[in-house]
Amino acid sequence: MSKEIVPQEVLASKIVFIRGQKAMLDRDLSALYGVETKMLNRAVRRNIERFPGDFMFRLTRQEYAEILRCQFGTLRHGQHSKYLSFAFSENGVAMLSSVLKSRRAIEVNIQIMRTFTKIRQLLSTHADLRRKLEEMEKKYDYQFKIVFDTIKSLIAEPEKPKKRIGFLVEEKSAGHAAF
């Protein structure tokens, strides 16, 4: 196996979940490939017939803001690109290998494809484990219910906390006088 150019953890952190699929942003891909984002996008535009809508799409302003907010915490006006990023699905990333010809781009692309595969395997392992637990639960009686419930809670995907709208007013304690 060839030596990794980019650590697996870095690649995995660049994969975002958007529009119901795993994707990577043009700016992250260009940094990994060692090219400017505008050069990557220019190569894609020259070969646009290779990138149908399920391979590549432009983010909306809201999607772009949400991704940046997740990655950087807060947005500051004028600090980020004036162009909305392109997102490349797994198939789109694979297609990039036919557009970008540099040695580094080819090697990084191989690593990215392996990362997508590992993520898919992890997700399927969770699904298999959940299915096997449900089968076992049907076989055994009530005394093991607590064990199965605990295991299910450990492998369950965490729920996203709901965003509260508005603000909270703290009540004054009885010991403080209101002015």
N, C-alpha and C. Protein backbone atom coordinates (compact mmCIF):
# COMPACT_ATOMS: atom_id res chain seq x y z
N MET A 1 0.85 -1.18 0.00
CA MET A 1 0.00 0.00 0.00
C MET A 1 0.89 1.25 0.00
N SER A 2 0.54 2.26 -0.76
CA SER A 2 1.35 3.46 -0.85
C SER A 2 1.24 4.30 0.41
N LYS A 3 2.25 5.13 0.61
CA LYS A 3 2.29 6.01 1.77
C LYS A 3 1.21 7.08 1.62
N GLU A 4 0.51 7.36 2.73
CA GLU A 4 -0.56 8.36 2.69
C GLU A 4 0.03 9.77 2.58
N ILE A 5 -0.48 10.53 1.65
CA ILE A 5 -0.06 11.92 1.50
C ILE A 5 -0.80 12.79 2.52
N VAL A 6 -2.07 12.48 2.70
CA VAL A 6 -2.93 13.20 3.63
C VAL A 6 -3.47 12.20 4.65
N PRO A 7 -3.39 12.52 5.94
CA PRO A 7 -3.91 11.58 6.95
C PRO A 7 -5.40 11.30 6.75
N GLN A 8 -5.79 10.06 7.01
CA GLN A 8 -7.17 9.60 6.85
C GLN A 8 -8.15 10.50 7.61
N GLU A 9 -7.77 10.92 8.82
CA GLU A 9 -8.65 11.75 9.65
C GLU A 9 -8.92 13.10 8.99
N VAL A 10 -7.90 13.66 8.34
CA VAL A 10 -8.07 14.94 7.65
C VAL A 10 -9.07 14.79 6.51
N LEU A 11 -8.90 13.73 5.73
CA LEU A 11 -9.82 13.49 4.61
C LEU A 11 -11.24 13.31 5.12
N ALA A 12 -11.41 12.50 6.15
CA ALA A 12 -12.75 12.24 6.68
C ALA A 12 -13.39 13.52 7.20
N SER A 13 -12.58 14.42 7.77
CA SER A 13 -13.14 15.68 8.31
C SER A 13 -13.60 16.62 7.20
N LYS A 14 -13.12 16.42 6.00
CA LYS A 14 -13.50 17.27 4.86
C LYS A 14 -14.77 16.79 4.16
N ILE A 15 -15.25 15.61 4.53
CA ILE A 15 -16.48 15.09 3.92
C ILE A 15 -17.66 15.62 4.70
N VAL A 16 -18.56 16.31 4.01
CA VAL A 16 -19.74 16.90 4.64
C VAL A 16 -20.99 16.15 4.16
N PHE A 17 -22.02 16.20 4.97
CA PHE A 17 -23.29 15.58 4.60
C PHE A 17 -24.24 16.69 4.20
N ILE A 18 -24.57 16.73 2.92
CA ILE A 18 -25.43 17.80 2.41
C ILE A 18 -26.36 17.24 1.34
N ARG A 19 -27.60 17.70 1.38
CA ARG A 19 -28.64 17.24 0.44
C ARG A 19 -28.77 15.71 0.45
N GLY A 20 -28.60 15.14 1.62
CA GLY A 20 -28.80 13.70 1.77
C GLY A 20 -27.67 12.84 1.26
N GLN A 21 -26.50 13.43 0.99
CA GLN A 21 -25.38 12.64 0.51
C GLN A 21 -24.06 13.17 1.04
N LYS A 22 -23.05 12.32 1.00
CA LYS A 22 -21.71 12.72 1.41
C LYS A 22 -21.08 13.46 0.24
N ALA A 23 -20.42 14.57 0.54
CA ALA A 23 -19.82 15.37 -0.52
C ALA A 23 -18.58 16.09 0.02
N MET A 24 -17.81 16.64 -0.91
CA MET A 24 -16.64 17.44 -0.55
C MET A 24 -16.72 18.76 -1.31
N LEU A 25 -16.27 19.83 -0.65
CA LEU A 25 -16.32 21.16 -1.26
C LEU A 25 -15.11 21.40 -2.15
N ASP A 26 -15.31 22.23 -3.17
CA ASP A 26 -14.23 22.53 -4.11
C ASP A 26 -13.01 23.12 -3.42
N ARG A 27 -13.21 23.98 -2.43
CA ARG A 27 -12.06 24.62 -1.76
C ARG A 27 -11.25 23.60 -0.97
N ASP A 28 -11.93 22.62 -0.36
CA ASP A 28 -11.22 21.57 0.38
C ASP A 28 -10.47 20.65 -0.58
N LEU A 29 -11.12 20.28 -1.67
CA LEU A 29 -10.48 19.43 -2.66
C LEU A 29 -9.27 20.11 -3.28
N SER A 30 -9.41 21.39 -3.61
CA SER A 30 -8.29 22.09 -4.23
C SER A 30 -7.10 22.17 -3.27
N ALA A 31 -7.37 22.38 -1.97
CA ALA A 31 -6.29 22.42 -0.99
C ALA A 31 -5.61 21.04 -0.90
N LEU A 32 -6.40 19.99 -0.91
CA LEU A 32 -5.83 18.64 -0.85
C LEU A 32 -5.02 18.31 -2.10
N TYR A 33 -5.50 18.76 -3.26
CA TYR A 33 -4.81 18.48 -4.52
C TYR A 33 -3.62 19.41 -4.75
N GLY A 34 -3.53 20.49 -3.98
CA GLY A 34 -2.43 21.42 -4.14
C GLY A 34 -2.60 22.35 -5.33
N VAL A 35 -3.85 22.70 -5.65
CA VAL A 35 -4.13 23.65 -6.73
C VAL A 35 -5.06 24.74 -6.19
N GLU A 36 -5.11 25.86 -6.90
CA GLU A 36 -6.04 26.92 -6.50
C GLU A 36 -7.47 26.48 -6.83
N THR A 37 -8.42 26.95 -6.01
CA THR A 37 -9.82 26.60 -6.23
C THR A 37 -10.28 27.03 -7.61
N LYS A 38 -9.87 28.22 -8.03
CA LYS A 38 -10.32 28.69 -9.35
C LYS A 38 -9.77 27.81 -10.47
N MET A 39 -8.58 27.22 -10.26
CA MET A 39 -8.02 26.33 -11.29
C MET A 39 -8.79 25.01 -11.33
N LEU A 40 -9.16 24.50 -10.17
CA LEU A 40 -9.95 23.27 -10.12
C LEU A 40 -11.29 23.51 -10.81
N ASN A 41 -11.95 24.61 -10.47
CA ASN A 41 -13.26 24.91 -11.06
C ASN A 41 -13.15 25.17 -12.57
N ARG A 42 -12.05 25.76 -12.99
CA ARG A 42 -11.85 25.99 -14.42
C ARG A 42 -11.72 24.66 -15.16
N ALA A 43 -10.98 23.71 -14.58
CA ALA A 43 -10.83 22.39 -15.20
C ALA A 43 -12.18 21.67 -15.26
N VAL A 44 -12.98 21.84 -14.22
CA VAL A 44 -14.32 21.22 -14.19
C VAL A 44 -15.19 21.85 -15.28
N ARG A 45 -15.19 23.19 -15.38
CA ARG A 45 -16.02 23.86 -16.39
C ARG A 45 -15.62 23.45 -17.81
N ARG A 46 -14.32 23.22 -18.03
CA ARG A 46 -13.87 22.79 -19.37
C ARG A 46 -14.37 21.38 -19.69
N ASN A 47 -14.72 20.62 -18.66
CA ASN A 47 -15.20 19.25 -18.83
C ASN A 47 -16.57 19.06 -18.18
N ILE A 48 -17.42 20.06 -18.29
CA ILE A 48 -18.68 20.09 -17.57
C ILE A 48 -19.59 18.91 -17.90
N GLU A 49 -19.47 18.34 -19.10
CA GLU A 49 -20.31 17.20 -19.47
C GLU A 49 -20.01 15.97 -18.61
N ARG A 50 -18.87 15.95 -17.93
CA ARG A 50 -18.51 14.85 -17.03
C ARG A 50 -19.12 14.99 -15.63
N PHE A 51 -19.78 16.14 -15.38
CA PHE A 51 -20.27 16.43 -14.03
C PHE A 51 -21.77 16.77 -14.02
N PRO A 52 -22.62 15.74 -14.16
CA PRO A 52 -24.06 16.00 -14.07
C PRO A 52 -24.44 16.42 -12.65
N GLY A 53 -25.67 16.79 -12.45
CA GLY A 53 -26.15 17.32 -11.17
C GLY A 53 -25.97 16.40 -9.98
N ASP A 54 -25.92 15.09 -10.20
CA ASP A 54 -25.71 14.19 -9.06
C ASP A 54 -24.22 13.97 -8.77
N PHE A 55 -23.33 14.53 -9.60
CA PHE A 55 -21.89 14.47 -9.36
C PHE A 55 -21.39 15.76 -8.72
N MET A 56 -22.01 16.89 -9.10
CA MET A 56 -21.55 18.20 -8.64
C MET A 56 -22.73 19.16 -8.62
N PHE A 57 -22.79 20.01 -7.60
CA PHE A 57 -23.82 21.03 -7.55
C PHE A 57 -23.28 22.24 -6.79
N ARG A 58 -23.87 23.40 -7.09
CA ARG A 58 -23.46 24.62 -6.39
C ARG A 58 -24.29 24.74 -5.13
N LEU A 59 -23.65 25.10 -4.03
CA LEU A 59 -24.35 25.28 -2.77
C LEU A 59 -25.22 26.52 -2.82
N THR A 60 -26.30 26.51 -2.08
CA THR A 60 -27.11 27.72 -1.92
C THR A 60 -26.42 28.59 -0.87
N ARG A 61 -26.83 29.83 -0.76
CA ARG A 61 -26.24 30.73 0.26
C ARG A 61 -26.46 30.16 1.66
N GLN A 62 -27.64 29.61 1.89
CA GLN A 62 -27.94 29.06 3.22
C GLN A 62 -27.05 27.84 3.52
N GLU A 63 -26.91 26.94 2.55
CA GLU A 63 -26.05 25.77 2.76
C GLU A 63 -24.61 26.20 3.01
N TYR A 64 -24.14 27.16 2.23
CA TYR A 64 -22.77 27.65 2.37
C TYR A 64 -22.56 28.25 3.76
N ALA A 65 -23.51 29.06 4.21
CA ALA A 65 -23.40 29.68 5.53
C ALA A 65 -23.42 28.62 6.64
N GLU A 66 -24.28 27.60 6.50
CA GLU A 66 -24.35 26.55 7.51
C GLU A 66 -23.06 25.75 7.59
N ILE A 67 -22.48 25.44 6.45
CA ILE A 67 -21.22 24.67 6.44
C ILE A 67 -20.11 25.51 7.04
N LEU A 68 -20.02 26.77 6.66
CA LEU A 68 -18.98 27.63 7.22
C LEU A 68 -19.17 27.83 8.71
N ARG A 69 -20.42 27.97 9.14
CA ARG A 69 -20.70 28.16 10.56
C ARG A 69 -20.27 26.93 11.35
N CYS A 70 -20.51 25.75 10.78
CA CYS A 70 -20.09 24.51 11.45
C CYS A 70 -18.58 24.41 11.53
N GLN A 71 -17.89 24.87 10.50
CA GLN A 71 -16.44 24.73 10.46
C GLN A 71 -15.71 25.85 11.20
N PHE A 72 -16.25 27.07 11.20
CA PHE A 72 -15.53 28.20 11.76
C PHE A 72 -16.22 28.86 12.94
N GLY A 73 -17.39 28.41 13.32
CA GLY A 73 -18.07 28.99 14.47
C GLY A 73 -18.99 30.14 14.10
N THR A 74 -18.43 31.24 13.66
CA THR A 74 -19.26 32.38 13.27
C THR A 74 -18.75 32.94 11.95
N LEU A 75 -19.63 33.60 11.26
CA LEU A 75 -19.26 34.22 9.99
C LEU A 75 -19.02 35.71 10.22
N ARG A 76 -17.98 36.22 9.60
CA ARG A 76 -17.74 37.66 9.63
C ARG A 76 -17.91 38.18 8.21
N HIS A 77 -18.60 39.28 8.09
CA HIS A 77 -18.91 39.84 6.78
C HIS A 77 -17.62 40.12 6.00
N GLY A 78 -17.57 39.65 4.76
CA GLY A 78 -16.45 39.92 3.88
C GLY A 78 -15.24 39.03 4.09
N GLN A 79 -15.30 38.10 5.01
CA GLN A 79 -14.14 37.28 5.30
C GLN A 79 -14.07 36.04 4.41
N HIS A 80 -15.17 35.65 3.80
CA HIS A 80 -15.21 34.41 3.03
C HIS A 80 -15.46 34.70 1.56
N SER A 81 -15.30 33.68 0.74
CA SER A 81 -15.40 33.80 -0.70
C SER A 81 -16.72 34.43 -1.14
N LYS A 82 -16.63 35.27 -2.19
CA LYS A 82 -17.86 35.85 -2.71
C LYS A 82 -18.59 34.89 -3.64
N TYR A 83 -17.92 33.79 -4.03
CA TYR A 83 -18.54 32.79 -4.88
C TYR A 83 -19.01 31.61 -4.02
N LEU A 84 -20.16 31.08 -4.34
CA LEU A 84 -20.66 29.91 -3.62
C LEU A 84 -19.89 28.68 -4.09
N SER A 85 -19.55 27.84 -3.16
CA SER A 85 -18.74 26.65 -3.46
C SER A 85 -19.52 25.62 -4.26
N PHE A 86 -18.78 24.81 -4.98
CA PHE A 86 -19.33 23.61 -5.59
C PHE A 86 -19.12 22.47 -4.60
N ALA A 87 -20.07 21.56 -4.57
CA ALA A 87 -19.94 20.34 -3.77
C ALA A 87 -19.87 19.18 -4.74
N PHE A 88 -18.95 18.26 -4.48
CA PHE A 88 -18.77 17.10 -5.34
C PHE A 88 -19.17 15.85 -4.56
N SER A 89 -20.09 15.08 -5.11
CA SER A 89 -20.49 13.81 -4.50
C SER A 89 -19.34 12.82 -4.67
N GLU A 90 -19.50 11.64 -4.13
CA GLU A 90 -18.46 10.62 -4.27
C GLU A 90 -18.16 10.35 -5.74
N ASN A 91 -19.20 10.27 -6.56
CA ASN A 91 -18.99 10.06 -8.00
C ASN A 91 -18.28 11.26 -8.64
N GLY A 92 -18.61 12.45 -8.18
CA GLY A 92 -17.96 13.64 -8.71
C GLY A 92 -16.48 13.68 -8.38
N VAL A 93 -16.14 13.27 -7.15
CA VAL A 93 -14.73 13.21 -6.75
C VAL A 93 -14.00 12.19 -7.62
N ALA A 94 -14.64 11.05 -7.87
CA ALA A 94 -14.03 10.04 -8.73
C ALA A 94 -13.81 10.61 -10.14
N MET A 95 -14.77 11.38 -10.64
CA MET A 95 -14.65 11.96 -11.97
C MET A 95 -13.52 12.99 -12.03
N LEU A 96 -13.24 13.66 -10.92
CA LEU A 96 -12.16 14.63 -10.90
C LEU A 96 -10.82 14.00 -11.29
N SER A 97 -10.66 12.72 -11.01
CA SER A 97 -9.39 12.06 -11.36
C SER A 97 -9.16 12.04 -12.87
N SER A 98 -10.23 12.11 -13.64
CA SER A 98 -10.06 12.13 -15.10
C SER A 98 -9.82 13.55 -15.62
N VAL A 99 -10.04 14.53 -14.78
CA VAL A 99 -9.88 15.93 -15.18
C VAL A 99 -8.54 16.49 -14.70
N LEU A 100 -8.16 16.14 -13.49
CA LEU A 100 -6.90 16.62 -12.92
C LEU A 100 -5.81 15.57 -13.17
N LYS A 101 -4.72 15.98 -13.76
CA LYS A 101 -3.72 15.01 -14.21
C LYS A 101 -2.45 14.99 -13.36
N SER A 102 -2.31 15.86 -12.38
CA SER A 102 -1.06 15.89 -11.61
C SER A 102 -0.91 14.62 -10.78
N ARG A 103 0.31 14.26 -10.48
CA ARG A 103 0.60 13.05 -9.71
C ARG A 103 -0.04 13.14 -8.32
N ARG A 104 0.07 14.31 -7.69
CA ARG A 104 -0.51 14.51 -6.36
C ARG A 104 -2.03 14.35 -6.40
N ALA A 105 -2.67 14.94 -7.41
CA ALA A 105 -4.13 14.85 -7.52
C ALA A 105 -4.56 13.39 -7.65
N ILE A 106 -3.84 12.61 -8.40
CA ILE A 106 -4.18 11.20 -8.57
C ILE A 106 -4.03 10.45 -7.26
N GLU A 107 -2.91 10.66 -6.55
CA GLU A 107 -2.66 9.96 -5.29
C GLU A 107 -3.66 10.37 -4.21
N VAL A 108 -3.97 11.68 -4.11
CA VAL A 108 -4.93 12.14 -3.13
C VAL A 108 -6.32 11.61 -3.47
N ASN A 109 -6.64 11.58 -4.75
CA ASN A 109 -7.95 11.07 -5.17
C ASN A 109 -8.13 9.61 -4.77
N ILE A 110 -7.09 8.82 -4.89
CA ILE A 110 -7.16 7.41 -4.48
C ILE A 110 -7.45 7.34 -2.99
N GLN A 111 -6.76 8.17 -2.19
CA GLN A 111 -7.00 8.19 -0.75
C GLN A 111 -8.42 8.62 -0.42
N ILE A 112 -8.93 9.62 -1.13
CA ILE A 112 -10.30 10.10 -0.88
C ILE A 112 -11.30 8.98 -1.16
N MET A 113 -11.12 8.27 -2.27
CA MET A 113 -12.04 7.19 -2.61
C MET A 113 -12.00 6.09 -1.55
N ARG A 114 -10.81 5.80 -1.01
CA ARG A 114 -10.70 4.81 0.06
C ARG A 114 -11.41 5.30 1.32
N THR A 115 -11.35 6.58 1.59
CA THR A 115 -12.02 7.15 2.76
C THR A 115 -13.53 7.03 2.61
N PHE A 116 -14.06 7.36 1.44
CA PHE A 116 -15.49 7.20 1.19
C PHE A 116 -15.91 5.74 1.41
N THR A 117 -15.10 4.81 0.94
CA THR A 117 -15.40 3.39 1.10
C THR A 117 -15.42 3.00 2.58
N LYS A 118 -14.44 3.48 3.35
CA LYS A 118 -14.40 3.16 4.78
C LYS A 118 -15.61 3.72 5.51
N ILE A 119 -16.02 4.92 5.16
CA ILE A 119 -17.21 5.51 5.79
C ILE A 119 -18.44 4.69 5.46
N ARG A 120 -18.56 4.27 4.22
CA ARG A 120 -19.70 3.44 3.80
C ARG A 120 -19.70 2.12 4.56
N GLN A 121 -18.52 1.51 4.75
CA GLN A 121 -18.42 0.25 5.49
C GLN A 121 -18.82 0.45 6.95
N LEU A 122 -18.39 1.55 7.56
CA LEU A 122 -18.75 1.83 8.95
C LEU A 122 -20.27 1.98 9.10
N LEU A 123 -20.87 2.69 8.16
CA LEU A 123 -22.32 2.89 8.23
C LEU A 123 -23.06 1.57 8.05
N SER A 124 -22.58 0.72 7.15
CA SER A 124 -23.25 -0.57 6.94
C SER A 124 -23.04 -1.48 8.14
N THR A 125 -21.89 -1.38 8.79
CA THR A 125 -21.63 -2.18 10.00
C THR A 125 -22.63 -1.82 11.09
N HIS A 126 -22.89 -0.53 11.26
CA HIS A 126 -23.89 -0.10 12.25
C HIS A 126 -25.27 -0.67 11.91
N ALA A 127 -25.62 -0.64 10.64
CA ALA A 127 -26.93 -1.16 10.22
C ALA A 127 -27.00 -2.67 10.47
N ASP A 128 -25.92 -3.39 10.15
CA ASP A 128 -25.89 -4.84 10.38
C ASP A 128 -26.00 -5.15 11.87
N LEU A 129 -25.27 -4.40 12.67
CA LEU A 129 -25.30 -4.62 14.12
C LEU A 129 -26.69 -4.36 14.68
N ARG A 130 -27.34 -3.31 14.23
CA ARG A 130 -28.69 -2.99 14.69
C ARG A 130 -29.67 -4.11 14.30
N ARG A 131 -29.55 -4.62 13.08
CA ARG A 131 -30.42 -5.69 12.61
C ARG A 131 -30.20 -6.96 13.43
N LYS A 132 -28.95 -7.31 13.70
CA LYS A 132 -28.66 -8.52 14.49
C LYS A 132 -29.19 -8.39 15.91
N LEU A 133 -29.08 -7.20 16.48
CA LEU A 133 -29.61 -6.98 17.82
C LEU A 133 -31.12 -7.18 17.86
N GLU A 134 -31.81 -6.67 16.85
CA GLU A 134 -33.26 -6.83 16.79
C GLU A 134 -33.65 -8.30 16.67
N GLU A 135 -32.87 -9.07 15.89
CA GLU A 135 -33.13 -10.50 15.76
C GLU A 135 -32.93 -11.22 17.09
N MET A 136 -31.85 -10.87 17.79
CA MET A 136 -31.58 -11.49 19.09
C MET A 136 -32.64 -11.12 20.12
N GLU A 137 -33.10 -9.89 20.04
CA GLU A 137 -34.11 -9.41 20.99
C GLU A 137 -35.40 -10.21 20.85
N LYS A 138 -35.72 -10.60 19.63
CA LYS A 138 -36.94 -11.40 19.40
C LYS A 138 -36.80 -12.80 20.00
N LYS A 139 -35.57 -13.32 20.03
CA LYS A 139 -35.34 -14.68 20.53
C LYS A 139 -35.36 -14.76 22.05
N TYR A 140 -34.88 -13.71 22.71
CA TYR A 140 -34.73 -13.78 24.16
C TYR A 140 -35.87 -13.06 24.87
N ASP A 141 -36.08 -13.43 26.12
CA ASP A 141 -37.24 -12.90 26.85
C ASP A 141 -36.97 -11.53 27.46
N TYR A 142 -37.91 -11.10 28.24
CA TYR A 142 -37.96 -9.75 28.80
C TYR A 142 -36.75 -9.40 29.67
N GLN A 143 -36.14 -10.39 30.33
CA GLN A 143 -35.05 -10.09 31.26
C GLN A 143 -33.83 -9.48 30.57
N PHE A 144 -33.69 -9.68 29.27
CA PHE A 144 -32.57 -9.10 28.54
C PHE A 144 -32.92 -7.76 27.87
N LYS A 145 -34.16 -7.32 28.04
CA LYS A 145 -34.61 -6.08 27.39
C LYS A 145 -33.73 -4.89 27.77
N ILE A 146 -33.36 -4.79 29.03
CA ILE A 146 -32.53 -3.67 29.48
C ILE A 146 -31.17 -3.70 28.78
N VAL A 147 -30.60 -4.88 28.64
CA VAL A 147 -29.31 -5.01 27.97
C VAL A 147 -29.43 -4.57 26.51
N PHE A 148 -30.46 -5.03 25.83
CA PHE A 148 -30.65 -4.66 24.43
C PHE A 148 -30.91 -3.16 24.27
N ASP A 149 -31.71 -2.59 25.16
CA ASP A 149 -32.00 -1.16 25.11
C ASP A 149 -30.72 -0.35 25.30
N THR A 150 -29.87 -0.79 26.21
CA THR A 150 -28.61 -0.08 26.46
C THR A 150 -27.70 -0.16 25.24
N ILE A 151 -27.58 -1.33 24.65
CA ILE A 151 -26.73 -1.48 23.46
C ILE A 151 -27.27 -0.64 22.31
N LYS A 152 -28.58 -0.63 22.13
CA LYS A 152 -29.18 0.19 21.07
C LYS A 152 -28.88 1.67 21.27
N SER A 153 -28.95 2.11 22.53
CA SER A 153 -28.68 3.53 22.79
C SER A 153 -27.22 3.87 22.50
N LEU A 154 -26.32 2.90 22.69
CA LEU A 154 -24.91 3.15 22.41
C LEU A 154 -24.61 3.24 20.92
N ILE A 155 -25.32 2.49 20.09
CA ILE A 155 -25.03 2.52 18.66
C ILE A 155 -25.95 3.46 17.89
N ALA A 156 -26.94 4.02 18.59
CA ALA A 156 -27.88 4.93 17.92
C ALA A 156 -27.17 6.22 17.54
N GLU A 157 -27.61 6.80 16.44
CA GLU A 157 -27.06 8.08 16.03
C GLU A 157 -27.57 9.15 16.98
N PRO A 158 -26.67 10.04 17.42
CA PRO A 158 -27.10 11.06 18.37
C PRO A 158 -28.11 12.02 17.74
N GLU A 159 -29.10 12.41 18.54
CA GLU A 159 -30.09 13.35 18.04
C GLU A 159 -29.50 14.75 18.06
N LYS A 160 -29.82 15.51 17.03
CA LYS A 160 -29.34 16.88 16.98
C LYS A 160 -30.21 17.72 17.90
N PRO A 161 -29.57 18.54 18.72
CA PRO A 161 -30.38 19.38 19.61
C PRO A 161 -31.18 20.39 18.79
N LYS A 162 -32.40 20.63 19.23
CA LYS A 162 -33.24 21.58 18.52
C LYS A 162 -32.80 22.99 18.87
N LYS A 163 -32.75 23.83 17.86
CA LYS A 163 -32.37 25.22 18.08
C LYS A 163 -33.57 25.97 18.65
N ARG A 164 -33.31 26.70 19.71
CA ARG A 164 -34.37 27.49 20.31
C ARG A 164 -34.43 28.84 19.60
N ILE A 165 -35.62 29.34 19.45
CA ILE A 165 -35.82 30.63 18.81
C ILE A 165 -36.11 31.64 19.91
N GLY A 166 -35.50 32.80 19.81
CA GLY A 166 -35.72 33.83 20.81
C GLY A 166 -34.66 33.81 21.88
N PHE A 167 -35.00 34.32 23.05
CA PHE A 167 -34.04 34.35 24.14
C PHE A 167 -34.74 33.97 25.43
N LEU A 168 -33.95 33.61 26.43
CA LEU A 168 -34.47 33.22 27.72
C LEU A 168 -34.28 34.35 28.71
N VAL A 169 -35.28 34.59 29.53
CA VAL A 169 -35.18 35.60 30.57
C VAL A 169 -34.95 34.86 31.87
N GLU A 170 -33.86 35.20 32.54
CA GLU A 170 -33.57 34.54 33.81
C GLU A 170 -34.45 35.16 34.88
N GLU A 171 -35.05 34.29 35.68
CA GLU A 171 -35.89 34.78 36.77
C GLU A 171 -34.99 35.19 37.92
N LYS A 172 -35.38 36.27 38.60
CA LYS A 172 -34.60 36.73 39.75
C LYS A 172 -34.94 35.86 40.94
N SER A 173 -33.91 35.50 41.69
CA SER A 173 -34.18 34.66 42.87
C SER A 173 -34.82 35.50 43.96
N ALA A 174 -35.45 34.82 44.93
CA ALA A 174 -36.19 35.47 45.99
C ALA A 174 -35.30 36.35 46.85
N GLY A 175 -34.01 36.05 46.92
CA GLY A 175 -33.09 36.79 47.77
C GLY A 175 -32.73 38.17 47.24
N HIS A 176 -32.98 38.44 45.95
CA HIS A 176 -32.62 39.72 45.35
C HIS A 176 -33.87 40.58 45.21
N ALA A 177 -33.71 41.80 45.54
CA ALA A 177 -34.86 42.73 45.42
C ALA A 177 -34.89 43.28 44.01
N ALA A 178 -36.07 43.41 43.47
CA ALA A 178 -36.23 43.98 42.13
C ALA A 178 -36.27 45.49 42.24
N PHE A 179 -35.59 46.17 41.34
CA PHE A 179 -35.56 47.64 41.35
C PHE A 179 -36.50 48.20 40.32
